[in-house]
Amino acid sequence: MNSLFILIPVAVVFVAVAVWVLFKAVDNGQFDDLEGPAYSILYDDDEEASLASEYGKQPNDNSRNTDKS
């Protein structure tokens, strides 16, 4: 019975801290975009590499515009 006098306030403080952390995360925008990071992994550099192969150069190769005349 004596342990309840310690455990109940500890549990209340624990819940209060958890609720505070949740509200702080919501205020900082942690949960604004839940689907964006999941879809971003699907869009990789394959499109850039395929366009670069059509022009005969490597991706991120800036040698295409070297004409200085």
PDB file of N, CA and C in Angstrom:
ATOM      1  N   MET A   1       0.816  -1.197   0.000  1.00  0.00           N
ATOM      2  CA  MET A   1       0.000   0.000   0.000  1.00  0.00           C
ATOM      3  C   MET A   1       0.862   1.263   0.000  1.00  0.00           C
ATOM      4  N   ASN A   2       1.963   1.214   0.735  1.00  0.00           N
ATOM      5  CA  ASN A   2       2.843   2.379   0.793  1.00  0.00           C
ATOM      6  C   ASN A   2       3.487   2.670  -0.561  1.00  0.00           C
ATOM      7  N   SER A   3       3.665   1.631  -1.368  1.00  0.00           N
ATOM      8  CA  SER A   3       4.279   1.861  -2.674  1.00  0.00           C
ATOM      9  C   SER A   3       3.347   2.629  -3.611  1.00  0.00           C
ATOM     10  N   LEU A   4       2.048   2.558  -3.387  1.00  0.00           N
ATOM     11  CA  LEU A   4       1.100   3.311  -4.214  1.00  0.00           C
ATOM     12  C   LEU A   4       1.249   4.811  -4.015  1.00  0.00           C
ATOM     13  N   PHE A   5       1.667   5.229  -2.849  1.00  0.00           N
ATOM     14  CA  PHE A   5       1.870   6.658  -2.583  1.00  0.00           C
ATOM     15  C   PHE A   5       3.040   7.212  -3.414  1.00  0.00           C
ATOM     16  N   ILE A   6       3.907   6.330  -3.850  1.00  0.00           N
ATOM     17  CA  ILE A   6       5.026   6.743  -4.692  1.00  0.00           C
ATOM     18  C   ILE A   6       4.710   6.504  -6.169  1.00  0.00           C
ATOM     19  N   LEU A   7       4.113   5.359  -6.492  1.00  0.00           N
ATOM     20  CA  LEU A   7       3.893   4.992  -7.885  1.00  0.00           C
ATOM     21  C   LEU A   7       2.844   5.859  -8.581  1.00  0.00           C
ATOM     22  N   ILE A   8       1.791   6.244  -7.887  1.00  0.00           N
ATOM     23  CA  ILE A   8       0.739   7.050  -8.520  1.00  0.00           C
ATOM     24  C   ILE A   8       1.265   8.439  -8.909  1.00  0.00           C
ATOM     25  N   PRO A   9       1.942   9.173  -8.037  1.00  0.00           N
ATOM     26  CA  PRO A   9       2.493  10.461  -8.488  1.00  0.00           C
ATOM     27  C   PRO A   9       3.549  10.324  -9.588  1.00  0.00           C
ATOM     28  N   VAL A  10       4.347   9.277  -9.536  1.00  0.00           N
ATOM     29  CA  VAL A  10       5.342   9.045 -10.583  1.00  0.00           C
ATOM     30  C   VAL A  10       4.640   8.790 -11.917  1.00  0.00           C
ATOM     31  N   ALA A  11       3.569   8.019 -11.895  1.00  0.00           N
ATOM     32  CA  ALA A  11       2.823   7.745 -13.123  1.00  0.00           C
ATOM     33  C   ALA A  11       2.162   9.010 -13.656  1.00  0.00           C
ATOM     34  N   VAL A  12       1.628   9.847 -12.792  1.00  0.00           N
ATOM     35  CA  VAL A  12       1.004  11.095 -13.224  1.00  0.00           C
ATOM     36  C   VAL A  12       2.045  12.025 -13.840  1.00  0.00           C
ATOM     37  N   VAL A  13       3.219  12.110 -13.232  1.00  0.00           N
ATOM     38  CA  VAL A  13       4.289  12.939 -13.781  1.00  0.00           C
ATOM     39  C   VAL A  13       4.742  12.377 -15.126  1.00  0.00           C
ATOM     40  N   PHE A  14       4.837  11.072 -15.240  1.00  0.00           N
ATOM     41  CA  PHE A  14       5.242  10.435 -16.487  1.00  0.00           C
ATOM     42  C   PHE A  14       4.245  10.731 -17.607  1.00  0.00           C
ATOM     43  N   VAL A  15       2.966  10.637 -17.331  1.00  0.00           N
ATOM     44  CA  VAL A  15       1.937  10.934 -18.325  1.00  0.00           C
ATOM     45  C   VAL A  15       1.977  12.418 -18.696  1.00  0.00           C
ATOM     46  N   ALA A  16       2.175  13.286 -17.722  1.00  0.00           N
ATOM     47  CA  ALA A  16       2.237  14.716 -18.005  1.00  0.00           C
ATOM     48  C   ALA A  16       3.432  15.043 -18.906  1.00  0.00           C
ATOM     49  N   VAL A  17       4.568  14.421 -18.674  1.00  0.00           N
ATOM     50  CA  VAL A  17       5.743  14.637 -19.520  1.00  0.00           C
ATOM     51  C   VAL A  17       5.490  14.097 -20.926  1.00  0.00           C
ATOM     52  N   ALA A  18       4.849  12.947 -21.036  1.00  0.00           N
ATOM     53  CA  ALA A  18       4.554  12.372 -22.350  1.00  0.00           C
ATOM     54  C   ALA A  18       3.602  13.267 -23.136  1.00  0.00           C
ATOM     55  N   VAL A  19       2.594  13.819 -22.493  1.00  0.00           N
ATOM     56  CA  VAL A  19       1.661  14.722 -23.165  1.00  0.00           C
ATOM     57  C   VAL A  19       2.376  16.007 -23.572  1.00  0.00           C
ATOM     58  N   TRP A  20       3.254  16.523 -22.730  1.00  0.00           N
ATOM     59  CA  TRP A  20       4.011  17.727 -23.055  1.00  0.00           C
ATOM     60  C   TRP A  20       4.907  17.492 -24.277  1.00  0.00           C
ATOM     61  N   VAL A  21       5.582  16.345 -24.325  1.00  0.00           N
ATOM     62  CA  VAL A  21       6.448  16.021 -25.461  1.00  0.00           C
ATOM     63  C   VAL A  21       5.617  15.887 -26.731  1.00  0.00           C
ATOM     64  N   LEU A  22       4.442  15.291 -26.650  1.00  0.00           N
ATOM     65  CA  LEU A  22       3.567  15.159 -27.809  1.00  0.00           C
ATOM     66  C   LEU A  22       3.149  16.526 -28.339  1.00  0.00           C
ATOM     67  N   PHE A  23       2.709  17.410 -27.469  1.00  0.00           N
ATOM     68  CA  PHE A  23       2.288  18.737 -27.907  1.00  0.00           C
ATOM     69  C   PHE A  23       3.462  19.550 -28.453  1.00  0.00           C
ATOM     70  N   LYS A  24       4.643  19.378 -27.885  1.00  0.00           N
ATOM     71  CA  LYS A  24       5.822  20.078 -28.389  1.00  0.00           C
ATOM     72  C   LYS A  24       6.174  19.586 -29.787  1.00  0.00           C
ATOM     73  N   ALA A  25       6.045  18.289 -30.032  1.00  0.00           N
ATOM     74  CA  ALA A  25       6.323  17.746 -31.360  1.00  0.00           C
ATOM     75  C   ALA A  25       5.303  18.236 -32.379  1.00  0.00           C
ATOM     76  N   VAL A  26       4.045  18.337 -31.985  1.00  0.00           N
ATOM     77  CA  VAL A  26       3.011  18.833 -32.893  1.00  0.00           C
ATOM     78  C   VAL A  26       3.245  20.302 -33.199  1.00  0.00           C
ATOM     79  N   ASP A  27       3.620  21.081 -32.211  1.00  0.00           N
ATOM     80  CA  ASP A  27       3.888  22.506 -32.437  1.00  0.00           C
ATOM     81  C   ASP A  27       5.094  22.739 -33.347  1.00  0.00           C
ATOM     82  N   ASN A  28       6.075  21.856 -33.286  1.00  0.00           N
ATOM     83  CA  ASN A  28       7.273  22.006 -34.118  1.00  0.00           C
ATOM     84  C   ASN A  28       7.091  21.453 -35.523  1.00  0.00           C
ATOM     85  N   GLY A  29       5.914  20.918 -35.851  1.00  0.00           N
ATOM     86  CA  GLY A  29       5.645  20.434 -37.193  1.00  0.00           C
ATOM     87  C   GLY A  29       6.135  19.033 -37.473  1.00  0.00           C
ATOM     88  N   GLN A  30       6.326  18.245 -36.458  1.00  0.00           N
ATOM     89  CA  GLN A  30       6.830  16.889 -36.634  1.00  0.00           C
ATOM     90  C   GLN A  30       5.855  16.028 -37.431  1.00  0.00           C
ATOM     91  N   PHE A  31       4.562  16.280 -37.322  1.00  0.00           N
ATOM     92  CA  PHE A  31       3.552  15.434 -37.950  1.00  0.00           C
ATOM     93  C   PHE A  31       2.859  16.124 -39.114  1.00  0.00           C
ATOM     94  N   ASP A  32       3.487  17.135 -39.720  1.00  0.00           N
ATOM     95  CA  ASP A  32       2.849  17.868 -40.810  1.00  0.00           C
ATOM     96  C   ASP A  32       2.751  17.033 -42.081  1.00  0.00           C
ATOM     97  N   ASP A  33       3.831  16.386 -42.481  1.00  0.00           N
ATOM     98  CA  ASP A  33       3.841  15.622 -43.721  1.00  0.00           C
ATOM     99  C   ASP A  33       4.226  14.185 -43.408  1.00  0.00           C
ATOM    100  N   LEU A  34       3.233  13.328 -43.289  1.00  0.00           N
ATOM    101  CA  LEU A  34       3.511  11.936 -42.956  1.00  0.00           C
ATOM    102  C   LEU A  34       3.752  11.081 -44.191  1.00  0.00           C
ATOM    103  N   GLU A  35       3.252  11.500 -45.359  1.00  0.00           N
ATOM    104  CA  GLU A  35       3.369  10.676 -46.559  1.00  0.00           C
ATOM    105  C   GLU A  35       4.539  11.078 -47.447  1.00  0.00           C
ATOM    106  N   GLY A  36       5.030  12.290 -47.333  1.00  0.00           N
ATOM    107  CA  GLY A  36       6.108  12.754 -48.201  1.00  0.00           C
ATOM    108  C   GLY A  36       7.375  11.927 -48.129  1.00  0.00           C
ATOM    109  N   PRO A  37       7.912  11.658 -46.957  1.00  0.00           N
ATOM    110  CA  PRO A  37       9.126  10.840 -46.885  1.00  0.00           C
ATOM    111  C   PRO A  37       8.920   9.413 -47.391  1.00  0.00           C
ATOM    112  N   ALA A  38       7.713   8.887 -47.262  1.00  0.00           N
ATOM    113  CA  ALA A  38       7.458   7.535 -47.751  1.00  0.00           C
ATOM    114  C   ALA A  38       7.486   7.487 -49.275  1.00  0.00           C
ATOM    115  N   TYR A  39       7.001   8.527 -49.929  1.00  0.00           N
ATOM    116  CA  TYR A  39       7.004   8.559 -51.384  1.00  0.00           C
ATOM    117  C   TYR A  39       8.334   9.040 -51.950  1.00  0.00           C
ATOM    118  N   SER A  40       9.107   9.777 -51.189  1.00  0.00           N
ATOM    119  CA  SER A  40      10.358  10.320 -51.718  1.00  0.00           C
ATOM    120  C   SER A  40      11.366   9.226 -52.043  1.00  0.00           C
ATOM    121  N   ILE A  41      11.277   8.087 -51.383  1.00  0.00           N
ATOM    122  CA  ILE A  41      12.215   7.012 -51.680  1.00  0.00           C
ATOM    123  C   ILE A  41      11.908   6.379 -53.031  1.00  0.00           C
ATOM    124  N   LEU A  42      10.686   6.543 -53.521  1.00  0.00           N
ATOM    125  CA  LEU A  42      10.328   5.991 -54.816  1.00  0.00           C
ATOM    126  C   LEU A  42      10.874   6.826 -55.968  1.00  0.00           C
ATOM    127  N   TYR A  43      11.133   8.097 -55.732  1.00  0.00           N
ATOM    128  CA  TYR A  43      11.628   8.986 -56.769  1.00  0.00           C
ATOM    129  C   TYR A  43      13.133   9.132 -56.626  1.00  0.00           C
ATOM    130  N   ASP A  44      13.866   8.225 -57.288  1.00  0.00           N
ATOM    131  CA  ASP A  44      15.317   8.301 -57.172  1.00  0.00           C
ATOM    132  C   ASP A  44      15.895   8.905 -58.441  1.00  0.00           C
ATOM    133  N   ASP A  45      17.154   8.722 -58.688  1.00  0.00           N
ATOM    134  CA  ASP A  45      17.854   9.389 -59.778  1.00  0.00           C
ATOM    135  C   ASP A  45      17.745   8.644 -61.101  1.00  0.00           C
ATOM    136  N   ASP A  46      16.863   7.667 -61.239  1.00  0.00           N
ATOM    137  CA  ASP A  46      16.745   6.925 -62.485  1.00  0.00           C
ATOM    138  C   ASP A  46      16.309   7.828 -63.628  1.00  0.00           C
ATOM    139  N   GLU A  47      15.418   8.765 -63.365  1.00  0.00           N
ATOM    140  CA  GLU A  47      14.947   9.660 -64.421  1.00  0.00           C
ATOM    141  C   GLU A  47      16.082  10.550 -64.921  1.00  0.00           C
ATOM    142  N   GLU A  48      16.885  11.054 -64.016  1.00  0.00           N
ATOM    143  CA  GLU A  48      18.022  11.885 -64.399  1.00  0.00           C
ATOM    144  C   GLU A  48      19.039  11.068 -65.198  1.00  0.00           C
ATOM    145  N   ALA A  49      19.274   9.820 -64.794  1.00  0.00           N
ATOM    146  CA  ALA A  49      20.236   8.980 -65.496  1.00  0.00           C
ATOM    147  C   ALA A  49      19.734   8.625 -66.888  1.00  0.00           C
ATOM    148  N   SER A  50      18.438   8.375 -67.059  1.00  0.00           N
ATOM    149  CA  SER A  50      17.924   8.027 -68.378  1.00  0.00           C
ATOM    150  C   SER A  50      17.962   9.231 -69.311  1.00  0.00           C
ATOM    151  N   LEU A  51      17.686  10.417 -68.809  1.00  0.00           N
ATOM    152  CA  LEU A  51      17.781  11.616 -69.637  1.00  0.00           C
ATOM    153  C   LEU A  51      19.221  11.894 -70.021  1.00  0.00           C
ATOM    154  N   ALA A  52      20.134  11.635 -69.121  1.00  0.00           N
ATOM    155  CA  ALA A  52      21.547  11.874 -69.400  1.00  0.00           C
ATOM    156  C   ALA A  52      22.063  10.892 -70.440  1.00  0.00           C
ATOM    157  N   SER A  53      21.574   9.657 -70.431  1.00  0.00           N
ATOM    158  CA  SER A  53      22.046   8.686 -71.414  1.00  0.00           C
ATOM    159  C   SER A  53      21.555   9.043 -72.809  1.00  0.00           C
ATOM    160  N   GLU A  54      20.431   9.726 -72.939  1.00  0.00           N
ATOM    161  CA  GLU A  54      19.949  10.154 -74.244  1.00  0.00           C
ATOM    162  C   GLU A  54      20.881  11.201 -74.849  1.00  0.00           C
ATOM    163  N   TYR A  55      21.509  12.011 -74.027  1.00  0.00           N
ATOM    164  CA  TYR A  55      22.401  13.051 -74.513  1.00  0.00           C
ATOM    165  C   TYR A  55      23.857  12.609 -74.520  1.00  0.00           C
ATOM    166  N   GLY A  56      24.132  11.373 -74.142  1.00  0.00           N
ATOM    167  CA  GLY A  56      25.478  10.829 -74.199  1.00  0.00           C
ATOM    168  C   GLY A  56      26.410  11.381 -73.157  1.00  0.00           C
ATOM    169  N   LYS A  57      25.947  11.644 -71.988  1.00  0.00           N
ATOM    170  CA  LYS A  57      26.818  12.132 -70.923  1.00  0.00           C
ATOM    171  C   LYS A  57      26.438  11.454 -69.623  1.00  0.00           C
ATOM    172  N   GLN A  58      27.309  11.574 -68.656  1.00  0.00           N
ATOM    173  CA  GLN A  58      27.067  11.006 -67.345  1.00  0.00           C
ATOM    174  C   GLN A  58      26.177  11.938 -66.543  1.00  0.00           C
ATOM    175  N   PRO A  59      25.383  11.417 -65.607  1.00  0.00           N
ATOM    176  CA  PRO A  59      24.587  12.301 -64.744  1.00  0.00           C
ATOM    177  C   PRO A  59      25.479  13.254 -63.963  1.00  0.00           C
ATOM    178  N   ASN A  60      25.023  14.479 -63.817  1.00  0.00           N
ATOM    179  CA  ASN A  60      25.736  15.536 -63.107  1.00  0.00           C
ATOM    180  C   ASN A  60      27.052  15.901 -63.786  1.00  0.00           C
ATOM    181  N   ASP A  61      27.158  15.669 -65.089  1.00  0.00           N
ATOM    182  CA  ASP A  61      28.349  16.048 -65.843  1.00  0.00           C
ATOM    183  C   ASP A  61      28.086  17.413 -66.457  1.00  0.00           C
ATOM    184  N   ASN A  62      28.858  18.409 -66.084  1.00  0.00           N
ATOM    185  CA  ASN A  62      28.650  19.764 -66.553  1.00  0.00           C
ATOM    186  C   ASN A  62      29.507  20.104 -67.769  1.00  0.00           C
ATOM    187  N   SER A  63      30.003  19.086 -68.491  1.00  0.00           N
ATOM    188  CA  SER A  63      30.866  19.351 -69.638  1.00  0.00           C
ATOM    189  C   SER A  63      30.082  19.658 -70.901  1.00  0.00           C
ATOM    190  N   ARG A  64      28.778  19.655 -70.853  1.00  0.00           N
ATOM    191  CA  ARG A  64      27.952  19.880 -72.037  1.00  0.00           C
ATOM    192  C   ARG A  64      28.072  21.319 -72.541  1.00  0.00           C
ATOM    193  N   ASN A  65      28.137  22.270 -71.657  1.00  0.00           N
ATOM    194  CA  ASN A  65      28.177  23.678 -72.037  1.00  0.00           C
ATOM    195  C   ASN A  65      29.593  24.243 -71.913  1.00  0.00           C
ATOM    196  N   THR A  66      30.553  23.616 -72.617  1.00  0.00           N
ATOM    197  CA  THR A  66      31.931  24.100 -72.531  1.00  0.00           C
ATOM    198  C   THR A  66      32.331  24.897 -73.761  1.00  0.00           C
ATOM    199  N   ASP A  67      31.412  25.163 -74.663  1.00  0.00           N
ATOM    200  CA  ASP A  67      31.723  25.945 -75.859  1.00  0.00           C
ATOM    201  C   ASP A  67      31.911  27.407 -75.463  1.00  0.00           C
ATOM    202  N   LYS A  68      33.131  27.914 -75.652  1.00  0.00           N
ATOM    203  CA  LYS A  68      33.438  29.279 -75.215  1.00  0.00           C
ATOM    204  C   LYS A  68      33.622  30.225 -76.392  1.00  0.00           C
ATOM    205  N   SER A  69      33.114  29.884 -77.562  1.00  0.00           N
ATOM    206  CA  SER A  69      33.289  30.771 -78.718  1.00  0.00           C
ATOM    207  C   SER A  69      32.221  31.828 -78.819  1.00  0.00           C
TER     208      SER A  69
END
